[in-house]
């Protein structure tokens, strides 16, 4: 576990664990029973999850496994989403994009009442701390796939996975 300080200089502990996935290992970081981040890792390292965070870690792993197995379309996890008010607004809107669907950066900008903020939307997507859980992979460019923090091949894989399953009867 790592120790960090928040803005009020109080120490808090970060648990971390890994979940295998078709796109590589997903590192899950937690504190106080909430998910701080889900990110991509090339290789698994040793899990270091506190007793307090273990139930949420196991729930996160189970939901990611169900997502990749096609049994889950929407995540239900306690998240810590630290960012600017603009980022928070973008992430809330991204979370509304249905499984198997996409929105352009421009459509997302209009949806939050900032029609000229397409590039800023891209920056907020890039700063999303919860890969897959807050579906930044569902945000695409007007003329193509657009960027993705872990690469366009992995973005395409996630979109194809969802498109393939979007018409099947899977659990919510």
N, C-alpha and C. Protein backbone atom coordinates (compact mmCIF):
# COMPACT_ATOMS: atom_id res chain seq x y z
N UNK A 1 0.84 -1.18 0.00
CA UNK A 1 0.00 0.00 0.00
C UNK A 1 0.88 1.24 0.00
N UNK A 2 0.41 2.27 -0.65
CA UNK A 2 1.12 3.54 -0.68
C UNK A 2 0.46 4.50 0.28
N UNK A 3 1.24 5.48 0.72
CA UNK A 3 0.70 6.54 1.57
C UNK A 3 0.78 7.84 0.81
N UNK A 4 -0.30 8.58 0.74
CA UNK A 4 -0.34 9.89 0.11
C UNK A 4 -0.96 10.88 1.06
N UNK A 5 -0.82 12.15 0.72
CA UNK A 5 -1.48 13.20 1.50
C UNK A 5 -2.48 13.90 0.61
N UNK A 6 -3.65 14.21 1.18
CA UNK A 6 -4.63 14.96 0.41
C UNK A 6 -4.38 16.45 0.60
N UNK A 7 -5.26 17.29 0.05
CA UNK A 7 -5.04 18.73 0.07
C UNK A 7 -4.99 19.30 1.48
N UNK A 8 -5.58 18.64 2.46
CA UNK A 8 -5.51 19.13 3.84
C UNK A 8 -4.34 18.48 4.60
N UNK A 9 -3.44 17.82 3.84
CA UNK A 9 -2.23 17.19 4.38
C UNK A 9 -2.51 16.03 5.33
N UNK A 10 -3.69 15.43 5.23
CA UNK A 10 -3.98 14.23 6.02
C UNK A 10 -3.48 13.03 5.23
N UNK A 11 -2.88 12.07 5.93
CA UNK A 11 -2.40 10.87 5.26
C UNK A 11 -3.57 9.93 4.98
N UNK A 12 -3.51 9.30 3.83
CA UNK A 12 -4.46 8.24 3.55
C UNK A 12 -3.73 7.14 2.78
N UNK A 13 -4.24 5.93 2.90
CA UNK A 13 -3.59 4.78 2.31
C UNK A 13 -4.28 4.37 1.03
N UNK A 14 -3.48 3.97 0.07
CA UNK A 14 -3.99 3.53 -1.22
C UNK A 14 -3.72 2.04 -1.36
N UNK A 15 -4.78 1.28 -1.57
CA UNK A 15 -4.65 -0.13 -1.89
C UNK A 15 -4.57 -0.26 -3.40
N UNK A 16 -3.90 -1.29 -3.88
CA UNK A 16 -3.90 -1.53 -5.31
C UNK A 16 -3.92 -3.02 -5.58
N UNK A 17 -4.66 -3.37 -6.61
CA UNK A 17 -4.75 -4.75 -7.03
C UNK A 17 -4.96 -4.78 -8.53
N UNK A 18 -4.89 -5.96 -9.11
CA UNK A 18 -4.92 -6.09 -10.56
C UNK A 18 -6.01 -7.07 -10.99
N UNK A 19 -6.58 -6.77 -12.15
CA UNK A 19 -7.59 -7.65 -12.75
C UNK A 19 -7.15 -7.96 -14.17
N UNK A 20 -7.15 -9.23 -14.57
CA UNK A 20 -6.82 -9.55 -15.96
C UNK A 20 -7.98 -9.14 -16.87
N UNK A 21 -7.65 -8.80 -18.11
CA UNK A 21 -8.69 -8.46 -19.08
C UNK A 21 -8.16 -8.75 -20.48
N UNK A 22 -9.03 -8.77 -21.48
CA UNK A 22 -8.57 -9.00 -22.86
C UNK A 22 -7.66 -7.89 -23.39
N UNK A 23 -7.63 -6.73 -22.73
CA UNK A 23 -6.76 -5.64 -23.19
C UNK A 23 -5.51 -5.50 -22.32
N UNK A 24 -5.27 -6.42 -21.43
CA UNK A 24 -4.12 -6.36 -20.53
C UNK A 24 -4.59 -6.26 -19.09
N UNK A 25 -3.66 -6.09 -18.19
CA UNK A 25 -4.02 -5.99 -16.78
C UNK A 25 -4.60 -4.62 -16.47
N UNK A 26 -5.61 -4.60 -15.61
CA UNK A 26 -6.21 -3.36 -15.16
C UNK A 26 -5.85 -3.18 -13.70
N UNK A 27 -5.19 -2.07 -13.41
CA UNK A 27 -4.81 -1.76 -12.02
C UNK A 27 -5.96 -1.01 -11.37
N UNK A 28 -6.39 -1.50 -10.23
CA UNK A 28 -7.49 -0.90 -9.47
C UNK A 28 -6.89 -0.31 -8.20
N UNK A 29 -7.05 1.00 -8.03
CA UNK A 29 -6.56 1.66 -6.82
C UNK A 29 -7.76 2.09 -5.99
N UNK A 30 -7.65 1.88 -4.68
CA UNK A 30 -8.77 2.15 -3.77
C UNK A 30 -8.28 2.82 -2.50
N UNK A 31 -9.20 3.51 -1.84
CA UNK A 31 -8.97 4.02 -0.50
C UNK A 31 -10.32 4.18 0.18
N UNK A 32 -10.37 3.92 1.46
CA UNK A 32 -11.60 4.07 2.25
C UNK A 32 -12.81 3.40 1.60
N UNK A 33 -12.61 2.24 1.00
CA UNK A 33 -13.73 1.50 0.42
C UNK A 33 -14.28 2.10 -0.86
N UNK A 34 -13.47 2.93 -1.55
CA UNK A 34 -13.90 3.53 -2.82
C UNK A 34 -12.80 3.37 -3.86
N UNK A 35 -13.21 3.29 -5.12
CA UNK A 35 -12.27 3.14 -6.22
C UNK A 35 -11.74 4.52 -6.61
N UNK A 36 -10.42 4.68 -6.55
CA UNK A 36 -9.78 5.93 -6.96
C UNK A 36 -9.51 5.92 -8.45
N UNK A 37 -9.06 4.77 -8.96
CA UNK A 37 -8.77 4.70 -10.39
C UNK A 37 -8.78 3.26 -10.88
N UNK A 38 -9.03 3.15 -12.19
CA UNK A 38 -8.86 1.90 -12.92
C UNK A 38 -8.00 2.29 -14.12
N UNK A 39 -6.83 1.70 -14.23
CA UNK A 39 -5.91 2.06 -15.31
C UNK A 39 -5.32 0.81 -15.94
N UNK A 40 -4.70 0.98 -17.09
CA UNK A 40 -4.12 -0.13 -17.83
C UNK A 40 -2.66 -0.32 -17.43
N UNK A 41 -2.26 -1.57 -17.29
CA UNK A 41 -0.86 -1.91 -16.97
C UNK A 41 -0.39 -3.00 -17.93
N UNK A 42 0.87 -2.94 -18.30
CA UNK A 42 1.43 -3.97 -19.18
C UNK A 42 1.57 -5.31 -18.47
N UNK A 43 1.93 -5.26 -17.19
CA UNK A 43 2.08 -6.52 -16.46
C UNK A 43 1.57 -6.36 -15.03
N UNK A 44 1.17 -7.48 -14.49
CA UNK A 44 0.62 -7.51 -13.14
C UNK A 44 1.76 -7.40 -12.13
N UNK A 45 1.51 -6.63 -11.10
CA UNK A 45 2.42 -6.58 -9.97
C UNK A 45 1.71 -7.20 -8.78
N UNK A 46 2.35 -7.18 -7.65
CA UNK A 46 1.77 -7.79 -6.46
C UNK A 46 0.57 -6.97 -5.96
N UNK A 47 -0.53 -7.66 -5.66
CA UNK A 47 -1.69 -6.99 -5.06
C UNK A 47 -1.34 -6.55 -3.65
N UNK A 48 -1.84 -5.39 -3.28
CA UNK A 48 -1.64 -4.87 -1.93
C UNK A 48 -2.93 -4.16 -1.53
N UNK A 49 -3.92 -4.97 -1.14
CA UNK A 49 -5.26 -4.45 -0.86
C UNK A 49 -5.55 -4.59 0.64
N UNK A 50 -5.96 -3.49 1.25
CA UNK A 50 -6.28 -3.51 2.69
C UNK A 50 -7.57 -4.29 2.94
N UNK A 51 -7.74 -4.73 4.16
CA UNK A 51 -8.97 -5.43 4.55
C UNK A 51 -10.19 -4.57 4.27
N UNK A 52 -10.08 -3.28 4.57
CA UNK A 52 -11.20 -2.35 4.37
C UNK A 52 -11.58 -2.25 2.89
N UNK A 53 -10.59 -2.28 2.01
CA UNK A 53 -10.84 -2.10 0.58
C UNK A 53 -11.14 -3.41 -0.15
N UNK A 54 -10.90 -4.55 0.48
CA UNK A 54 -11.04 -5.84 -0.19
C UNK A 54 -12.44 -6.08 -0.77
N UNK A 55 -13.54 -5.79 -0.05
CA UNK A 55 -14.86 -6.03 -0.65
C UNK A 55 -15.09 -5.22 -1.94
N UNK A 56 -14.67 -3.97 -1.95
CA UNK A 56 -14.87 -3.14 -3.15
C UNK A 56 -13.91 -3.58 -4.26
N UNK A 57 -12.71 -3.99 -3.90
CA UNK A 57 -11.77 -4.52 -4.89
C UNK A 57 -12.37 -5.75 -5.56
N UNK A 58 -12.89 -6.68 -4.76
CA UNK A 58 -13.50 -7.89 -5.31
C UNK A 58 -14.71 -7.57 -6.17
N UNK A 59 -15.52 -6.61 -5.74
CA UNK A 59 -16.69 -6.19 -6.51
C UNK A 59 -16.26 -5.58 -7.85
N UNK A 60 -15.21 -4.77 -7.83
CA UNK A 60 -14.70 -4.15 -9.05
C UNK A 60 -14.19 -5.21 -10.02
N UNK A 61 -13.39 -6.15 -9.51
CA UNK A 61 -12.88 -7.24 -10.35
C UNK A 61 -14.03 -8.04 -10.95
N UNK A 62 -15.04 -8.34 -10.13
CA UNK A 62 -16.18 -9.12 -10.61
C UNK A 62 -16.95 -8.37 -11.69
N UNK A 63 -17.13 -7.06 -11.51
CA UNK A 63 -17.86 -6.28 -12.51
C UNK A 63 -17.05 -6.16 -13.81
N UNK A 64 -15.74 -5.99 -13.71
CA UNK A 64 -14.92 -5.95 -14.92
C UNK A 64 -14.97 -7.29 -15.65
N UNK A 65 -14.90 -8.38 -14.91
CA UNK A 65 -14.98 -9.71 -15.52
C UNK A 65 -16.33 -9.89 -16.22
N UNK A 66 -17.42 -9.46 -15.55
CA UNK A 66 -18.75 -9.57 -16.14
C UNK A 66 -18.88 -8.69 -17.38
N UNK A 67 -18.28 -7.51 -17.35
CA UNK A 67 -18.30 -6.61 -18.52
C UNK A 67 -17.64 -7.30 -19.72
N UNK A 68 -16.45 -7.84 -19.51
CA UNK A 68 -15.74 -8.48 -20.62
C UNK A 68 -16.39 -9.79 -21.05
N UNK A 69 -17.15 -10.42 -20.16
CA UNK A 69 -17.88 -11.64 -20.52
C UNK A 69 -19.21 -11.32 -21.20
N UNK A 70 -19.56 -10.04 -21.27
CA UNK A 70 -20.80 -9.64 -21.92
C UNK A 70 -22.02 -9.71 -21.01
N UNK A 71 -21.82 -9.80 -19.71
CA UNK A 71 -22.94 -9.89 -18.77
C UNK A 71 -23.22 -8.58 -18.03
N UNK A 72 -22.45 -7.54 -18.29
CA UNK A 72 -22.64 -6.27 -17.57
C UNK A 72 -22.49 -5.11 -18.55
N UNK A 73 -23.47 -4.22 -18.54
CA UNK A 73 -23.44 -3.06 -19.43
C UNK A 73 -23.17 -1.76 -18.69
N UNK A 74 -23.42 -1.73 -17.41
CA UNK A 74 -23.25 -0.50 -16.63
C UNK A 74 -22.65 -0.86 -15.27
N UNK A 75 -21.60 -0.14 -14.90
CA UNK A 75 -20.93 -0.39 -13.63
C UNK A 75 -21.65 0.29 -12.49
N UNK A 76 -21.59 -0.33 -11.32
CA UNK A 76 -22.17 0.24 -10.11
C UNK A 76 -21.14 0.09 -8.99
N UNK A 77 -20.26 1.09 -8.92
CA UNK A 77 -19.15 1.05 -7.97
C UNK A 77 -19.04 2.39 -7.25
N UNK A 78 -18.56 2.38 -6.00
CA UNK A 78 -18.31 3.65 -5.31
C UNK A 78 -17.00 4.25 -5.83
N UNK A 79 -17.09 5.38 -6.50
CA UNK A 79 -15.93 6.00 -7.13
C UNK A 79 -15.52 7.29 -6.44
N UNK A 80 -14.23 7.54 -6.43
CA UNK A 80 -13.70 8.85 -6.06
C UNK A 80 -13.34 9.50 -7.40
N UNK A 81 -13.97 10.61 -7.72
CA UNK A 81 -13.70 11.28 -8.99
C UNK A 81 -13.21 12.69 -8.73
N UNK A 82 -11.91 12.82 -8.53
CA UNK A 82 -11.32 14.13 -8.30
C UNK A 82 -10.92 14.73 -9.63
N UNK A 83 -11.32 15.96 -9.83
CA UNK A 83 -10.99 16.69 -11.05
C UNK A 83 -11.62 18.06 -10.98
N UNK A 84 -11.40 18.84 -12.02
CA UNK A 84 -12.02 20.16 -12.07
C UNK A 84 -13.53 20.01 -12.23
N UNK A 85 -14.25 21.08 -12.01
CA UNK A 85 -15.71 21.03 -12.19
C UNK A 85 -16.04 20.65 -13.63
N UNK A 86 -15.27 21.18 -14.58
CA UNK A 86 -15.49 20.85 -15.99
C UNK A 86 -15.28 19.35 -16.23
N UNK A 87 -14.17 18.80 -15.72
CA UNK A 87 -13.92 17.37 -15.89
C UNK A 87 -15.05 16.54 -15.27
N UNK A 88 -15.47 16.93 -14.08
CA UNK A 88 -16.56 16.21 -13.40
C UNK A 88 -17.82 16.21 -14.27
N UNK A 89 -18.10 17.36 -14.85
CA UNK A 89 -19.29 17.49 -15.71
C UNK A 89 -19.17 16.58 -16.93
N UNK A 90 -17.99 16.55 -17.55
CA UNK A 90 -17.77 15.69 -18.71
C UNK A 90 -17.88 14.22 -18.32
N UNK A 91 -17.27 13.84 -17.21
CA UNK A 91 -17.31 12.43 -16.78
C UNK A 91 -18.74 11.99 -16.46
N UNK A 92 -19.52 12.88 -15.85
CA UNK A 92 -20.93 12.53 -15.57
C UNK A 92 -21.69 12.31 -16.87
N UNK A 93 -21.43 13.14 -17.86
CA UNK A 93 -22.11 13.00 -19.15
C UNK A 93 -21.63 11.75 -19.88
N UNK A 94 -20.34 11.46 -19.81
CA UNK A 94 -19.80 10.24 -20.44
C UNK A 94 -20.46 9.00 -19.85
N UNK A 95 -20.69 9.02 -18.55
CA UNK A 95 -21.28 7.86 -17.87
C UNK A 95 -22.69 7.57 -18.38
N UNK A 96 -23.31 8.54 -19.03
CA UNK A 96 -24.67 8.36 -19.57
C UNK A 96 -24.67 7.71 -20.96
N UNK A 97 -23.52 7.61 -21.60
CA UNK A 97 -23.48 7.03 -22.94
C UNK A 97 -23.77 5.54 -22.82
N UNK A 98 -24.82 5.07 -23.50
CA UNK A 98 -25.21 3.66 -23.36
C UNK A 98 -24.17 2.69 -23.92
N UNK A 99 -24.13 1.53 -23.33
CA UNK A 99 -23.31 0.41 -23.80
C UNK A 99 -23.58 0.20 -25.28
N UNK A 100 -22.54 0.06 -26.08
CA UNK A 100 -22.69 -0.19 -27.51
C UNK A 100 -22.92 1.06 -28.33
N UNK A 101 -22.95 2.22 -27.71
CA UNK A 101 -23.16 3.49 -28.42
C UNK A 101 -21.91 4.35 -28.32
N UNK A 102 -21.85 5.34 -29.18
CA UNK A 102 -20.76 6.32 -29.10
C UNK A 102 -21.34 7.72 -29.21
N UNK A 103 -20.55 8.69 -28.78
CA UNK A 103 -20.85 10.11 -28.95
C UNK A 103 -19.57 10.77 -29.43
N UNK A 104 -19.71 11.79 -30.25
CA UNK A 104 -18.52 12.53 -30.67
C UNK A 104 -18.15 13.52 -29.58
N UNK A 105 -16.92 14.00 -29.66
CA UNK A 105 -16.47 15.04 -28.73
C UNK A 105 -17.41 16.24 -28.82
N UNK A 106 -17.82 16.58 -30.05
CA UNK A 106 -18.73 17.71 -30.26
C UNK A 106 -20.10 17.47 -29.64
N UNK A 107 -20.63 16.27 -29.79
CA UNK A 107 -21.93 15.96 -29.18
C UNK A 107 -21.87 16.05 -27.67
N UNK A 108 -20.78 15.59 -27.10
CA UNK A 108 -20.61 15.68 -25.65
C UNK A 108 -20.50 17.14 -25.21
N UNK A 109 -19.78 17.93 -25.99
CA UNK A 109 -19.65 19.36 -25.69
C UNK A 109 -21.02 20.04 -25.69
N UNK A 110 -21.83 19.74 -26.68
CA UNK A 110 -23.19 20.31 -26.75
C UNK A 110 -24.04 19.84 -25.57
N UNK A 111 -23.90 18.57 -25.22
CA UNK A 111 -24.71 18.00 -24.13
C UNK A 111 -24.45 18.68 -22.79
N UNK A 112 -23.24 19.21 -22.60
CA UNK A 112 -22.95 19.90 -21.34
C UNK A 112 -23.09 21.41 -21.48
N UNK A 113 -23.61 21.85 -22.62
CA UNK A 113 -23.84 23.29 -22.81
C UNK A 113 -22.60 24.08 -23.18
N UNK A 114 -21.58 23.40 -23.71
CA UNK A 114 -20.33 24.05 -24.11
C UNK A 114 -19.99 23.63 -25.54
N UNK A 115 -20.80 24.04 -26.53
CA UNK A 115 -20.67 23.51 -27.89
C UNK A 115 -19.32 23.75 -28.57
N UNK A 116 -18.52 24.66 -28.07
CA UNK A 116 -17.22 24.94 -28.69
C UNK A 116 -16.06 24.28 -27.93
N UNK A 117 -16.38 23.40 -27.02
CA UNK A 117 -15.35 22.83 -26.14
C UNK A 117 -14.91 21.42 -26.53
N UNK A 118 -14.97 21.08 -27.81
CA UNK A 118 -14.62 19.71 -28.23
C UNK A 118 -13.23 19.30 -27.80
N UNK A 119 -12.26 20.17 -27.96
CA UNK A 119 -10.88 19.82 -27.56
C UNK A 119 -10.77 19.66 -26.05
N UNK A 120 -11.44 20.51 -25.32
CA UNK A 120 -11.43 20.40 -23.86
C UNK A 120 -12.09 19.09 -23.42
N UNK A 121 -13.10 18.66 -24.17
CA UNK A 121 -13.74 17.36 -23.89
C UNK A 121 -12.69 16.25 -24.05
N UNK A 122 -11.90 16.33 -25.12
CA UNK A 122 -10.83 15.35 -25.34
C UNK A 122 -9.84 15.32 -24.19
N UNK A 123 -9.49 16.50 -23.69
CA UNK A 123 -8.57 16.56 -22.54
C UNK A 123 -9.19 15.95 -21.30
N UNK A 124 -10.48 16.20 -21.08
CA UNK A 124 -11.17 15.61 -19.93
C UNK A 124 -11.24 14.08 -20.07
N UNK A 125 -11.47 13.61 -21.29
CA UNK A 125 -11.47 12.16 -21.52
C UNK A 125 -10.11 11.57 -21.18
N UNK A 126 -9.06 12.25 -21.61
CA UNK A 126 -7.70 11.78 -21.34
C UNK A 126 -7.39 11.77 -19.84
N UNK A 127 -8.03 12.65 -19.08
CA UNK A 127 -7.81 12.71 -17.64
C UNK A 127 -8.73 11.83 -16.83
N UNK A 128 -9.58 11.06 -17.49
CA UNK A 128 -10.52 10.17 -16.81
C UNK A 128 -9.76 9.11 -16.00
N UNK A 129 -9.93 9.09 -14.69
CA UNK A 129 -9.19 8.13 -13.87
C UNK A 129 -9.80 6.72 -13.84
N UNK A 130 -10.97 6.55 -14.42
CA UNK A 130 -11.68 5.26 -14.30
C UNK A 130 -11.91 4.63 -15.67
N UNK A 131 -10.83 4.12 -16.25
CA UNK A 131 -10.87 3.46 -17.55
C UNK A 131 -12.00 2.42 -17.57
N UNK A 132 -12.77 2.40 -18.63
CA UNK A 132 -13.88 1.48 -18.87
C UNK A 132 -15.08 1.77 -17.97
N UNK A 133 -14.86 1.96 -16.68
CA UNK A 133 -15.97 2.21 -15.74
C UNK A 133 -16.69 3.51 -16.10
N UNK A 134 -15.95 4.58 -16.32
CA UNK A 134 -16.49 5.80 -16.93
C UNK A 134 -16.04 5.70 -18.38
N UNK A 135 -16.96 5.43 -19.31
CA UNK A 135 -16.61 4.94 -20.64
C UNK A 135 -16.07 5.98 -21.62
N UNK A 136 -14.85 6.44 -21.39
CA UNK A 136 -14.22 7.40 -22.30
C UNK A 136 -13.98 6.77 -23.68
N UNK A 137 -13.91 5.45 -23.74
CA UNK A 137 -13.72 4.78 -25.03
C UNK A 137 -14.93 4.96 -25.95
N UNK A 138 -16.06 5.37 -25.41
CA UNK A 138 -17.27 5.58 -26.22
C UNK A 138 -17.32 6.97 -26.84
N UNK A 139 -16.32 7.79 -26.58
CA UNK A 139 -16.26 9.13 -27.15
C UNK A 139 -15.29 9.08 -28.34
N UNK A 140 -15.80 9.47 -29.51
CA UNK A 140 -15.04 9.35 -30.75
C UNK A 140 -14.95 10.70 -31.46
N UNK A 141 -14.04 10.78 -32.41
CA UNK A 141 -13.92 11.99 -33.22
C UNK A 141 -15.04 12.06 -34.25
N UNK A 142 -15.27 13.24 -34.79
CA UNK A 142 -16.32 13.42 -35.80
C UNK A 142 -15.99 12.66 -37.08
N UNK A 143 -14.70 12.48 -37.36
CA UNK A 143 -14.30 11.81 -38.60
C UNK A 143 -13.57 10.49 -38.36
N UNK A 144 -13.62 9.99 -37.17
CA UNK A 144 -12.93 8.73 -36.91
C UNK A 144 -12.90 8.39 -35.44
N UNK A 145 -12.05 7.45 -35.12
CA UNK A 145 -11.98 6.89 -33.77
C UNK A 145 -11.60 7.90 -32.70
N UNK A 146 -10.67 8.78 -33.02
CA UNK A 146 -10.18 9.72 -32.00
C UNK A 146 -9.15 9.06 -31.13
N UNK A 147 -8.62 9.81 -30.18
CA UNK A 147 -7.56 9.29 -29.32
C UNK A 147 -8.08 8.44 -28.18
N UNK A 148 -7.13 7.80 -27.50
CA UNK A 148 -7.44 6.99 -26.33
C UNK A 148 -6.15 6.84 -25.55
N UNK A 149 -6.23 7.02 -24.26
CA UNK A 149 -5.02 7.04 -23.42
C UNK A 149 -4.18 5.77 -23.56
N UNK A 150 -4.80 4.64 -23.81
CA UNK A 150 -4.03 3.38 -23.89
C UNK A 150 -3.91 2.86 -25.32
N UNK A 151 -4.24 3.70 -26.31
CA UNK A 151 -4.04 3.34 -27.70
C UNK A 151 -5.32 3.04 -28.46
N UNK A 152 -5.27 3.34 -29.75
CA UNK A 152 -6.46 3.19 -30.59
C UNK A 152 -6.86 1.73 -30.79
N UNK A 153 -5.90 0.80 -30.79
CA UNK A 153 -6.24 -0.63 -30.95
C UNK A 153 -7.11 -1.11 -29.79
N UNK A 154 -6.77 -0.68 -28.59
CA UNK A 154 -7.55 -1.10 -27.42
C UNK A 154 -8.92 -0.42 -27.41
N UNK A 155 -8.98 0.83 -27.87
CA UNK A 155 -10.27 1.53 -27.98
C UNK A 155 -11.16 0.78 -28.97
N UNK A 156 -10.59 0.43 -30.10
CA UNK A 156 -11.35 -0.29 -31.12
C UNK A 156 -11.83 -1.64 -30.58
N UNK A 157 -10.97 -2.33 -29.82
CA UNK A 157 -11.35 -3.61 -29.21
C UNK A 157 -12.56 -3.43 -28.29
N UNK A 158 -12.53 -2.41 -27.43
CA UNK A 158 -13.64 -2.17 -26.50
C UNK A 158 -14.92 -1.83 -27.25
N UNK A 159 -14.82 -0.98 -28.27
CA UNK A 159 -16.01 -0.61 -29.04
C UNK A 159 -16.57 -1.81 -29.80
N UNK A 160 -15.70 -2.62 -30.39
CA UNK A 160 -16.17 -3.83 -31.09
C UNK A 160 -16.82 -4.81 -30.12
N UNK A 161 -16.23 -4.96 -28.95
CA UNK A 161 -16.79 -5.82 -27.90
C UNK A 161 -18.23 -5.38 -27.59
N UNK A 162 -18.42 -4.09 -27.37
CA UNK A 162 -19.75 -3.58 -27.01
C UNK A 162 -20.72 -3.64 -28.18
N UNK A 163 -20.26 -3.31 -29.37
CA UNK A 163 -21.13 -3.34 -30.55
C UNK A 163 -21.63 -4.76 -30.79
N UNK A 164 -20.72 -5.71 -30.66
CA UNK A 164 -21.07 -7.12 -30.86
C UNK A 164 -22.13 -7.58 -29.86
N UNK A 165 -22.05 -7.09 -28.64
CA UNK A 165 -22.96 -7.53 -27.58
C UNK A 165 -24.17 -6.63 -27.38
N UNK A 166 -24.19 -5.47 -28.00
CA UNK A 166 -25.21 -4.47 -27.68
C UNK A 166 -26.64 -4.92 -27.99
N UNK A 167 -26.78 -5.84 -28.89
CA UNK A 167 -28.13 -6.29 -29.23
C UNK A 167 -28.53 -7.58 -28.54
N UNK A 168 -27.61 -8.13 -27.73
CA UNK A 168 -27.94 -9.36 -27.01
C UNK A 168 -28.61 -9.01 -25.69
N UNK A 169 -29.21 -9.96 -25.07
CA UNK A 169 -29.88 -9.76 -23.77
C UNK A 169 -28.88 -10.00 -22.66
N UNK A 170 -28.24 -8.93 -22.19
CA UNK A 170 -27.31 -9.05 -21.07
C UNK A 170 -27.84 -8.27 -19.90
N UNK A 171 -27.34 -8.61 -18.72
CA UNK A 171 -27.80 -7.95 -17.48
C UNK A 171 -27.34 -6.51 -17.45
N UNK A 172 -28.06 -5.70 -16.72
CA UNK A 172 -27.67 -4.31 -16.53
C UNK A 172 -26.74 -4.18 -15.39
